[in-house]
Amino acid sequence: MSTVTRTEPTEPLADGHDAGSRILSVVRLHLVNRYSVFAVPWMIMGGIFIVNVTIWWIIFASVTNESDRADARDGIAYSGALFYIFVYMLVLGIQAVAYTFPFALGFSVTRRDFWLGSALTFVALSAVYSAGLTILAAIEVATDGWGLGGTMFASYYFGGADASWIERFGLYFATYLFFYFVGAAIATIYQRWRNNGMLALFGTLGLVLIAGIALVSFTNSWPAVGAWFDSNGPSGVIAWSLVPTVVAAVTGYFILRRATPKN
């Protein structure tokens, strides 16, 4: 997605005879740079996996006591190694709008068709990558952590070793959608208000975060916050992430309707 501003699509986007063809043209436009969309994420994930395998080997090779090994396995189950791949998807969501939107408008694509095509791309990519992670998690569980007792794909945050494949797929899918649409919404704010929009956005987020911490602290509500996370668990928290995902998708669309791209 990061280099489409210098790449011509195979067919003019304006040649679509209906909204469906124009939306699919936007999808093809997003997938022009297949290296950054498909190859780079798996390369990042592969690098993270190799680092994790090395760490697992060092840990379990140096620990001989079975009690200590069990403690190490429990700790590894809370691995957040997959977080980095989701951050990369946030970047792709930003680039999808920042680089592709001005280019698409040059081919007479409407803002509505562009946003719908982008949303369809996000959903499709989320499904593809979620399926890949689900398969890797199943292999990880079946091989007892790749023969080393490690945990990366079947971590506690995505259902743990006991989760069903459909539950794990749903958790991955919701997480991918969150980062894609939040990234795209951020990019629409930049397209609409440029640097002032970014300053206002992050300044507002900072103030809301500080206000929230202050409110919880002064009302002694931290136990209640902890109880909420504990009662919902990782699956419930990720399910709740669909709310800001929908908000980002709707907000991004309305902001983009008035955005004027500038080269």
C-alpha atoms as a PDB file:
ATOM      1  CA  MET A   1       0.000   0.000   0.000  1.00  0.00           C
ATOM      2  CA  SER A   2       2.919   2.328   0.612  1.00  0.00           C
ATOM      3  CA  THR A   3       3.994   2.793  -3.015  1.00  0.00           C
ATOM      4  CA  VAL A   4       0.753   2.923  -4.955  1.00  0.00           C
ATOM      5  CA  THR A   5       1.157   6.621  -5.668  1.00  0.00           C
ATOM      6  CA  ARG A   6       3.776   5.686  -8.237  1.00  0.00           C
ATOM      7  CA  THR A   7       2.062   2.608  -9.663  1.00  0.00           C
ATOM      8  CA  GLU A   8      -0.522   2.617 -12.432  1.00  0.00           C
ATOM      9  CA  PRO A   9      -3.482   0.249 -12.012  1.00  0.00           C
ATOM     10  CA  THR A  10      -4.021  -2.308 -14.727  1.00  0.00           C
ATOM     11  CA  GLU A  11      -7.406  -0.784 -15.644  1.00  0.00           C
ATOM     12  CA  PRO A  12      -8.688   2.780 -15.330  1.00  0.00           C
ATOM     13  CA  LEU A  13     -10.865   3.074 -12.267  1.00  0.00           C
ATOM     14  CA  ALA A  14     -13.337   5.319 -14.057  1.00  0.00           C
ATOM     15  CA  ASP A  15     -14.265   2.524 -16.509  1.00  0.00           C
ATOM     16  CA  GLY A  16     -16.467   0.715 -13.946  1.00  0.00           C
ATOM     17  CA  HIS A  17     -20.103   0.538 -15.075  1.00  0.00           C
ATOM     18  CA  ASP A  18     -21.626   0.357 -11.605  1.00  0.00           C
ATOM     19  CA  ALA A  19     -20.805   0.923  -7.958  1.00  0.00           C
ATOM     20  CA  GLY A  20     -19.794  -2.712  -7.469  1.00  0.00           C
ATOM     21  CA  SER A  21     -17.128  -2.588 -10.160  1.00  0.00           C
ATOM     22  CA  ARG A  22     -15.785   0.712  -8.838  1.00  0.00           C
ATOM     23  CA  ILE A  23     -15.562  -0.712  -5.320  1.00  0.00           C
ATOM     24  CA  LEU A  24     -13.700  -3.775  -6.606  1.00  0.00           C
ATOM     25  CA  SER A  25     -11.375  -1.456  -8.531  1.00  0.00           C
ATOM     26  CA  VAL A  26     -10.498   0.239  -5.236  1.00  0.00           C
ATOM     27  CA  VAL A  27      -9.769  -3.180  -3.724  1.00  0.00           C
ATOM     28  CA  ARG A  28      -7.416  -3.983  -6.609  1.00  0.00           C
ATOM     29  CA  LEU A  29      -5.759  -0.615  -6.159  1.00  0.00           C
ATOM     30  CA  HIS A  30      -5.049  -1.349  -2.495  1.00  0.00           C
ATOM     31  CA  LEU A  31      -3.488  -4.675  -3.464  1.00  0.00           C
ATOM     32  CA  VAL A  32      -1.217  -3.323  -6.196  1.00  0.00           C
ATOM     33  CA  ASN A  33       1.837  -3.430  -3.935  1.00  0.00           C
ATOM     34  CA  ARG A  34       1.536  -7.080  -2.932  1.00  0.00           C
ATOM     35  CA  TYR A  35       4.973  -7.114  -1.334  1.00  0.00           C
ATOM     36  CA  SER A  36       4.040  -4.711   1.456  1.00  0.00           C
ATOM     37  CA  VAL A  37       0.541  -6.145   1.864  1.00  0.00           C
ATOM     38  CA  PHE A  38       1.339  -9.856   1.851  1.00  0.00           C
ATOM     39  CA  ALA A  39       5.085 -10.500   2.057  1.00  0.00           C
ATOM     40  CA  VAL A  40       6.239  -7.982   4.676  1.00  0.00           C
ATOM     41  CA  PRO A  41       3.730  -9.010   7.397  1.00  0.00           C
ATOM     42  CA  TRP A  42       4.769 -12.662   7.153  1.00  0.00           C
ATOM     43  CA  MET A  43       8.434 -11.660   7.131  1.00  0.00           C
ATOM     44  CA  ILE A  44       7.900  -9.644  10.310  1.00  0.00           C
ATOM     45  CA  MET A  45       6.008 -12.516  11.886  1.00  0.00           C
ATOM     46  CA  GLY A  46       8.724 -14.971  10.854  1.00  0.00           C
ATOM     47  CA  GLY A  47      11.417 -12.816  12.414  1.00  0.00           C
ATOM     48  CA  ILE A  48       9.445 -12.497  15.651  1.00  0.00           C
ATOM     49  CA  PHE A  49       8.867 -16.251  15.676  1.00  0.00           C
ATOM     50  CA  ILE A  50      12.581 -17.017  15.283  1.00  0.00           C
ATOM     51  CA  VAL A  51      13.417 -14.672  18.171  1.00  0.00           C
ATOM     52  CA  ASN A  52      10.781 -16.349  20.332  1.00  0.00           C
ATOM     53  CA  VAL A  53      11.981 -19.858  19.516  1.00  0.00           C
ATOM     54  CA  THR A  54      15.511 -18.824  20.463  1.00  0.00           C
ATOM     55  CA  ILE A  55      14.296 -17.406  23.784  1.00  0.00           C
ATOM     56  CA  TRP A  56      12.260 -20.554  24.510  1.00  0.00           C
ATOM     57  CA  TRP A  57      15.270 -22.755  23.818  1.00  0.00           C
ATOM     58  CA  ILE A  58      17.499 -20.677  26.107  1.00  0.00           C
ATOM     59  CA  ILE A  59      14.911 -20.727  28.905  1.00  0.00           C
ATOM     60  CA  PHE A  60      14.157 -24.426  28.842  1.00  0.00           C
ATOM     61  CA  ALA A  61      17.761 -25.453  28.211  1.00  0.00           C
ATOM     62  CA  SER A  62      18.881 -23.542  31.288  1.00  0.00           C
ATOM     63  CA  VAL A  63      16.043 -24.672  33.564  1.00  0.00           C
ATOM     64  CA  THR A  64      16.176 -28.291  34.727  1.00  0.00           C
ATOM     65  CA  ASN A  65      13.789 -28.205  37.672  1.00  0.00           C
ATOM     66  CA  GLU A  66      10.293 -29.328  36.588  1.00  0.00           C
ATOM     67  CA  SER A  67       8.598 -26.819  38.888  1.00  0.00           C
ATOM     68  CA  ASP A  68      10.585 -23.967  37.337  1.00  0.00           C
ATOM     69  CA  ARG A  69       9.801 -25.288  33.858  1.00  0.00           C
ATOM     70  CA  ALA A  70       6.089 -25.245  34.659  1.00  0.00           C
ATOM     71  CA  ASP A  71       6.347 -21.668  35.912  1.00  0.00           C
ATOM     72  CA  ALA A  72       8.207 -20.679  32.743  1.00  0.00           C
ATOM     73  CA  ARG A  73       5.518 -22.247  30.545  1.00  0.00           C
ATOM     74  CA  ASP A  74       2.802 -20.397  32.451  1.00  0.00           C
ATOM     75  CA  GLY A  75       4.654 -17.108  31.984  1.00  0.00           C
ATOM     76  CA  ILE A  76       5.200 -17.683  28.258  1.00  0.00           C
ATOM     77  CA  ALA A  77       1.462 -18.270  27.820  1.00  0.00           C
ATOM     78  CA  TYR A  78       1.015 -14.505  28.313  1.00  0.00           C
ATOM     79  CA  SER A  79       3.258 -13.703  25.362  1.00  0.00           C
ATOM     80  CA  GLY A  80       2.416 -10.487  23.522  1.00  0.00           C
ATOM     81  CA  ALA A  81       4.695 -11.226  20.577  1.00  0.00           C
ATOM     82  CA  LEU A  82       1.844 -11.010  18.043  1.00  0.00           C
ATOM     83  CA  PHE A  83       1.141  -7.412  19.024  1.00  0.00           C
ATOM     84  CA  TYR A  84       3.780  -6.183  16.577  1.00  0.00           C
ATOM     85  CA  ILE A  85       2.010  -7.623  13.550  1.00  0.00           C
ATOM     86  CA  PHE A  86      -1.169  -5.800  14.501  1.00  0.00           C
ATOM     87  CA  VAL A  87       0.774  -2.541  14.789  1.00  0.00           C
ATOM     88  CA  TYR A  88       1.982  -3.100  11.224  1.00  0.00           C
ATOM     89  CA  MET A  89      -1.643  -3.460  10.142  1.00  0.00           C
ATOM     90  CA  LEU A  90      -2.375  -0.127  11.809  1.00  0.00           C
ATOM     91  CA  VAL A  91       0.324   1.366   9.584  1.00  0.00           C
ATOM     92  CA  LEU A  92      -1.184  -0.302   6.508  1.00  0.00           C
ATOM     93  CA  GLY A  93      -4.567   1.155   7.420  1.00  0.00           C
ATOM     94  CA  ILE A  94      -3.023   4.620   7.570  1.00  0.00           C
ATOM     95  CA  GLN A  95      -1.188   4.154   4.272  1.00  0.00           C
ATOM     96  CA  ALA A  96      -4.313   2.810   2.576  1.00  0.00           C
ATOM     97  CA  VAL A  97      -5.935   6.223   2.895  1.00  0.00           C
ATOM     98  CA  ALA A  98      -2.930   8.546   2.975  1.00  0.00           C
ATOM     99  CA  TYR A  99      -1.363   7.235  -0.248  1.00  0.00           C
ATOM    100  CA  THR A 100      -4.254   5.691  -2.165  1.00  0.00           C
ATOM    101  CA  PHE A 101      -7.055   8.225  -1.629  1.00  0.00           C
ATOM    102  CA  PRO A 102      -5.533  11.079  -3.679  1.00  0.00           C
ATOM    103  CA  PHE A 103      -4.579   8.625  -6.425  1.00  0.00           C
ATOM    104  CA  ALA A 104      -8.066   7.080  -6.578  1.00  0.00           C
ATOM    105  CA  LEU A 105      -9.811  10.457  -6.835  1.00  0.00           C
ATOM    106  CA  GLY A 106      -7.696  11.179  -9.885  1.00  0.00           C
ATOM    107  CA  PHE A 107      -9.571   8.348 -11.608  1.00  0.00           C
ATOM    108  CA  SER A 108     -12.992   9.753 -10.681  1.00  0.00           C
ATOM    109  CA  VAL A 109     -13.706   7.297  -7.869  1.00  0.00           C
ATOM    110  CA  THR A 110     -16.253   8.730  -5.439  1.00  0.00           C
ATOM    111  CA  ARG A 111     -15.390   9.074  -1.775  1.00  0.00           C
ATOM    112  CA  ARG A 112     -18.165   6.629  -0.911  1.00  0.00           C
ATOM    113  CA  ASP A 113     -16.851   3.977  -3.292  1.00  0.00           C
ATOM    114  CA  PHE A 114     -13.322   4.513  -2.040  1.00  0.00           C
ATOM    115  CA  TRP A 115     -14.318   4.003   1.596  1.00  0.00           C
ATOM    116  CA  LEU A 116     -16.457   0.950   0.822  1.00  0.00           C
ATOM    117  CA  GLY A 117     -13.652  -0.530  -1.266  1.00  0.00           C
ATOM    118  CA  SER A 118     -11.175   0.143   1.526  1.00  0.00           C
ATOM    119  CA  ALA A 119     -13.495  -1.448   4.092  1.00  0.00           C
ATOM    120  CA  LEU A 120     -13.908  -4.528   1.888  1.00  0.00           C
ATOM    121  CA  THR A 121     -10.122  -4.761   1.583  1.00  0.00           C
ATOM    122  CA  PHE A 122      -9.694  -4.540   5.360  1.00  0.00           C
ATOM    123  CA  VAL A 123     -12.287  -7.258   5.947  1.00  0.00           C
ATOM    124  CA  ALA A 124     -10.754  -9.570   3.331  1.00  0.00           C
ATOM    125  CA  LEU A 125      -7.195  -9.108   4.590  1.00  0.00           C
ATOM    126  CA  SER A 126      -8.327  -9.573   8.187  1.00  0.00           C
ATOM    127  CA  ALA A 127      -9.967 -12.876   7.227  1.00  0.00           C
ATOM    128  CA  VAL A 128      -6.878 -14.091   5.350  1.00  0.00           C
ATOM    129  CA  TYR A 129      -4.447 -13.242   8.137  1.00  0.00           C
ATOM    130  CA  SER A 130      -6.791 -14.543  10.826  1.00  0.00           C
ATOM    131  CA  ALA A 131      -7.021 -17.867   9.001  1.00  0.00           C
ATOM    132  CA  GLY A 132      -3.216 -18.032   8.820  1.00  0.00           C
ATOM    133  CA  LEU A 133      -2.781 -17.311  12.527  1.00  0.00           C
ATOM    134  CA  THR A 134      -5.496 -19.828  13.411  1.00  0.00           C
ATOM    135  CA  ILE A 135      -3.668 -22.561  11.485  1.00  0.00           C
ATOM    136  CA  LEU A 136      -0.356 -21.661  13.145  1.00  0.00           C
ATOM    137  CA  ALA A 137      -2.027 -21.706  16.568  1.00  0.00           C
ATOM    138  CA  ALA A 138      -3.445 -25.179  15.875  1.00  0.00           C
ATOM    139  CA  ILE A 139       0.024 -26.435  14.896  1.00  0.00           C
ATOM    140  CA  GLU A 140       1.511 -24.821  17.995  1.00  0.00           C
ATOM    141  CA  VAL A 141      -0.968 -26.575  20.289  1.00  0.00           C
ATOM    142  CA  ALA A 142      -0.611 -29.926  18.483  1.00  0.00           C
ATOM    143  CA  THR A 143       3.204 -29.864  18.739  1.00  0.00           C
ATOM    144  CA  ASP A 144       3.235 -28.718  22.372  1.00  0.00           C
ATOM    145  CA  GLY A 145       4.697 -25.337  21.552  1.00  0.00           C
ATOM    146  CA  TRP A 146       6.811 -26.374  18.547  1.00  0.00           C
ATOM    147  CA  GLY A 147       8.459 -29.042  20.675  1.00  0.00           C
ATOM    148  CA  LEU A 148       9.796 -26.456  23.117  1.00  0.00           C
ATOM    149  CA  GLY A 149       6.746 -25.696  25.228  1.00  0.00           C
ATOM    150  CA  GLY A 150       6.510 -22.137  23.912  1.00  0.00           C
ATOM    151  CA  THR A 151       3.441 -20.030  23.201  1.00  0.00           C
ATOM    152  CA  MET A 152       3.108 -17.330  20.574  1.00  0.00           C
ATOM    153  CA  PHE A 153       0.018 -17.868  18.422  1.00  0.00           C
ATOM    154  CA  ALA A 154      -2.128 -19.587  21.075  1.00  0.00           C
ATOM    155  CA  SER A 155      -1.395 -17.087  23.806  1.00  0.00           C
ATOM    156  CA  TYR A 156      -3.717 -16.332  26.692  1.00  0.00           C
ATOM    157  CA  TYR A 157      -4.911 -13.146  24.993  1.00  0.00           C
ATOM    158  CA  PHE A 158      -6.319 -15.157  22.077  1.00  0.00           C
ATOM    159  CA  GLY A 159      -8.062 -17.893  23.977  1.00  0.00           C
ATOM    160  CA  GLY A 160      -5.121 -19.952  25.168  1.00  0.00           C
ATOM    161  CA  ALA A 161      -4.457 -23.569  24.277  1.00  0.00           C
ATOM    162  CA  ASP A 162      -8.044 -24.641  25.007  1.00  0.00           C
ATOM    163  CA  ALA A 163      -9.800 -22.247  22.635  1.00  0.00           C
ATOM    164  CA  SER A 164     -11.685 -23.634  19.653  1.00  0.00           C
ATOM    165  CA  TRP A 165     -10.482 -22.716  16.201  1.00  0.00           C
ATOM    166  CA  ILE A 166     -13.570 -20.623  15.483  1.00  0.00           C
ATOM    167  CA  GLU A 167     -13.178 -18.675  18.745  1.00  0.00           C
ATOM    168  CA  ARG A 168      -9.524 -18.021  18.005  1.00  0.00           C
ATOM    169  CA  PHE A 169     -10.315 -16.966  14.433  1.00  0.00           C
ATOM    170  CA  GLY A 170     -12.947 -14.534  15.706  1.00  0.00           C
ATOM    171  CA  LEU A 171     -10.522 -12.972  18.191  1.00  0.00           C
ATOM    172  CA  TYR A 172      -7.843 -12.510  15.540  1.00  0.00           C
ATOM    173  CA  PHE A 173     -10.399 -11.164  13.075  1.00  0.00           C
ATOM    174  CA  ALA A 174     -11.803  -8.567  15.499  1.00  0.00           C
ATOM    175  CA  THR A 175      -8.294  -7.430  16.444  1.00  0.00           C
ATOM    176  CA  TYR A 176      -7.229  -7.005  12.830  1.00  0.00           C
ATOM    177  CA  LEU A 177     -10.365  -5.022  12.021  1.00  0.00           C
ATOM    178  CA  PHE A 178      -9.750  -2.724  14.986  1.00  0.00           C
ATOM    179  CA  PHE A 179      -6.248  -1.783  13.889  1.00  0.00           C
ATOM    180  CA  TYR A 180      -7.138  -1.451  10.212  1.00  0.00           C
ATOM    181  CA  PHE A 181     -10.099   0.869  10.735  1.00  0.00           C
ATOM    182  CA  VAL A 182      -8.490   2.927  13.494  1.00  0.00           C
ATOM    183  CA  GLY A 183      -5.467   3.463  11.241  1.00  0.00           C
ATOM    184  CA  ALA A 184      -7.698   4.452   8.326  1.00  0.00           C
ATOM    185  CA  ALA A 185      -9.693   6.850  10.519  1.00  0.00           C
ATOM    186  CA  ILE A 186      -6.492   8.530  11.670  1.00  0.00           C
ATOM    187  CA  ALA A 187      -5.485   8.993   8.041  1.00  0.00           C
ATOM    188  CA  THR A 188      -8.843  10.572   7.174  1.00  0.00           C
ATOM    189  CA  ILE A 189      -8.346  13.138   9.927  1.00  0.00           C
ATOM    190  CA  TYR A 190      -4.968  14.003   8.427  1.00  0.00           C
ATOM    191  CA  GLN A 191      -6.489  14.264   4.935  1.00  0.00           C
ATOM    192  CA  ARG A 192      -9.176  16.612   6.241  1.00  0.00           C
ATOM    193  CA  TRP A 193      -7.271  18.836   8.678  1.00  0.00           C
ATOM    194  CA  ARG A 194      -3.581  17.999   8.079  1.00  0.00           C
ATOM    195  CA  ASN A 195      -1.156  18.669  10.961  1.00  0.00           C
ATOM    196  CA  ASN A 196      -3.691  20.629  13.006  1.00  0.00           C
ATOM    197  CA  GLY A 197      -5.971  17.610  12.925  1.00  0.00           C
ATOM    198  CA  MET A 198      -3.196  15.343  14.204  1.00  0.00           C
ATOM    199  CA  LEU A 199      -2.350  17.719  17.024  1.00  0.00           C
ATOM    200  CA  ALA A 200      -6.012  17.997  18.017  1.00  0.00           C
ATOM    201  CA  LEU A 201      -6.535  14.231  17.813  1.00  0.00           C
ATOM    202  CA  PHE A 202      -3.592  13.151  19.922  1.00  0.00           C
ATOM    203  CA  GLY A 203      -4.021  16.080  22.300  1.00  0.00           C
ATOM    204  CA  THR A 204      -7.654  15.087  22.867  1.00  0.00           C
ATOM    205  CA  LEU A 205      -6.739  11.430  23.336  1.00  0.00           C
ATOM    206  CA  GLY A 206      -4.094  12.414  25.873  1.00  0.00           C
ATOM    207  CA  LEU A 207      -6.535  14.570  27.824  1.00  0.00           C
ATOM    208  CA  VAL A 208      -9.202  11.850  27.793  1.00  0.00           C
ATOM    209  CA  LEU A 209      -6.676   9.293  29.027  1.00  0.00           C
ATOM    210  CA  ILE A 210      -5.483  11.546  31.842  1.00  0.00           C
ATOM    211  CA  ALA A 211      -9.058  12.445  32.794  1.00  0.00           C
ATOM    212  CA  GLY A 212     -10.007   8.780  32.858  1.00  0.00           C
ATOM    213  CA  ILE A 213      -7.064   7.856  35.076  1.00  0.00           C
ATOM    214  CA  ALA A 214      -7.850  10.752  37.399  1.00  0.00           C
ATOM    215  CA  LEU A 215     -11.539   9.812  37.600  1.00  0.00           C
ATOM    216  CA  VAL A 216     -10.798   6.169  38.411  1.00  0.00           C
ATOM    217  CA  SER A 217      -8.128   7.146  40.942  1.00  0.00           C
ATOM    218  CA  PHE A 218     -10.170   9.766  42.812  1.00  0.00           C
ATOM    219  CA  THR A 219     -13.212   7.477  42.988  1.00  0.00           C
ATOM    220  CA  ASN A 220     -11.122   4.471  44.081  1.00  0.00           C
ATOM    221  CA  SER A 221     -12.512   2.490  41.172  1.00  0.00           C
ATOM    222  CA  TRP A 222      -9.399   0.554  40.208  1.00  0.00           C
ATOM    223  CA  PRO A 223     -10.755  -2.669  41.809  1.00  0.00           C
ATOM    224  CA  ALA A 224     -13.916  -2.286  39.712  1.00  0.00           C
ATOM    225  CA  VAL A 225     -11.841  -1.769  36.557  1.00  0.00           C
ATOM    226  CA  GLY A 226      -9.801  -4.857  37.359  1.00  0.00           C
ATOM    227  CA  ALA A 227     -12.977  -6.831  38.039  1.00  0.00           C
ATOM    228  CA  TRP A 228     -14.392  -5.779  34.660  1.00  0.00           C
ATOM    229  CA  PHE A 229     -11.306  -7.042  32.810  1.00  0.00           C
ATOM    230  CA  ASP A 230     -11.300 -10.209  34.888  1.00  0.00           C
ATOM    231  CA  SER A 231     -14.984 -10.939  34.280  1.00  0.00           C
ATOM    232  CA  ASN A 232     -14.785 -10.279  30.548  1.00  0.00           C
ATOM    233  CA  GLY A 233     -11.429 -11.939  29.986  1.00  0.00           C
ATOM    234  CA  PRO A 234      -9.380 -11.425  26.816  1.00  0.00           C
ATOM    235  CA  SER A 235     -12.197 -12.690  24.596  1.00  0.00           C
ATOM    236  CA  GLY A 236     -14.696 -10.246  26.064  1.00  0.00           C
ATOM    237  CA  VAL A 237     -12.302  -7.299  25.852  1.00  0.00           C
ATOM    238  CA  ILE A 238     -11.524  -8.031  22.196  1.00  0.00           C
ATOM    239  CA  ALA A 239     -15.237  -8.404  21.492  1.00  0.00           C
ATOM    240  CA  TRP A 240     -15.809  -4.956  23.025  1.00  0.00           C
ATOM    241  CA  SER A 241     -13.163  -3.601  20.608  1.00  0.00           C
ATOM    242  CA  LEU A 242     -15.754  -3.997  17.850  1.00  0.00           C
ATOM    243  CA  VAL A 243     -17.485  -0.903  19.250  1.00  0.00           C
ATOM    244  CA  PRO A 244     -14.579   1.502  18.586  1.00  0.00           C
ATOM    245  CA  THR A 245     -13.991  -0.348  15.306  1.00  0.00           C
ATOM    246  CA  VAL A 246     -17.491   0.524  14.108  1.00  0.00           C
ATOM    247  CA  VAL A 247     -17.132   4.089  15.419  1.00  0.00           C
ATOM    248  CA  ALA A 248     -13.835   4.483  13.532  1.00  0.00           C
ATOM    249  CA  ALA A 249     -15.368   3.081  10.331  1.00  0.00           C
ATOM    250  CA  VAL A 250     -18.404   5.389  10.425  1.00  0.00           C
ATOM    251  CA  THR A 251     -16.458   8.453  11.566  1.00  0.00           C
ATOM    252  CA  GLY A 252     -13.774   7.894   8.951  1.00  0.00           C
ATOM    253  CA  TYR A 253     -16.367   7.776   6.197  1.00  0.00           C
ATOM    254  CA  PHE A 254     -18.028  11.066   7.161  1.00  0.00           C
ATOM    255  CA  ILE A 255     -14.672  12.817   7.589  1.00  0.00           C
ATOM    256  CA  LEU A 256     -13.474  11.548   4.207  1.00  0.00           C
ATOM    257  CA  ARG A 257     -16.570  12.960   2.482  1.00  0.00           C
ATOM    258  CA  ARG A 258     -15.215  16.465   3.095  1.00  0.00           C
ATOM    259  CA  ALA A 259     -11.511  15.697   2.771  1.00  0.00           C
ATOM    260  CA  THR A 260      -9.505  17.312  -0.001  1.00  0.00           C
ATOM    261  CA  PRO A 261      -6.257  15.473  -0.757  1.00  0.00           C
ATOM    262  CA  LYS A 262      -3.128  17.547  -1.168  1.00  0.00           C
ATOM    263  CA  ASN A 263       0.046  16.280  -2.777  1.00  0.00           C
END
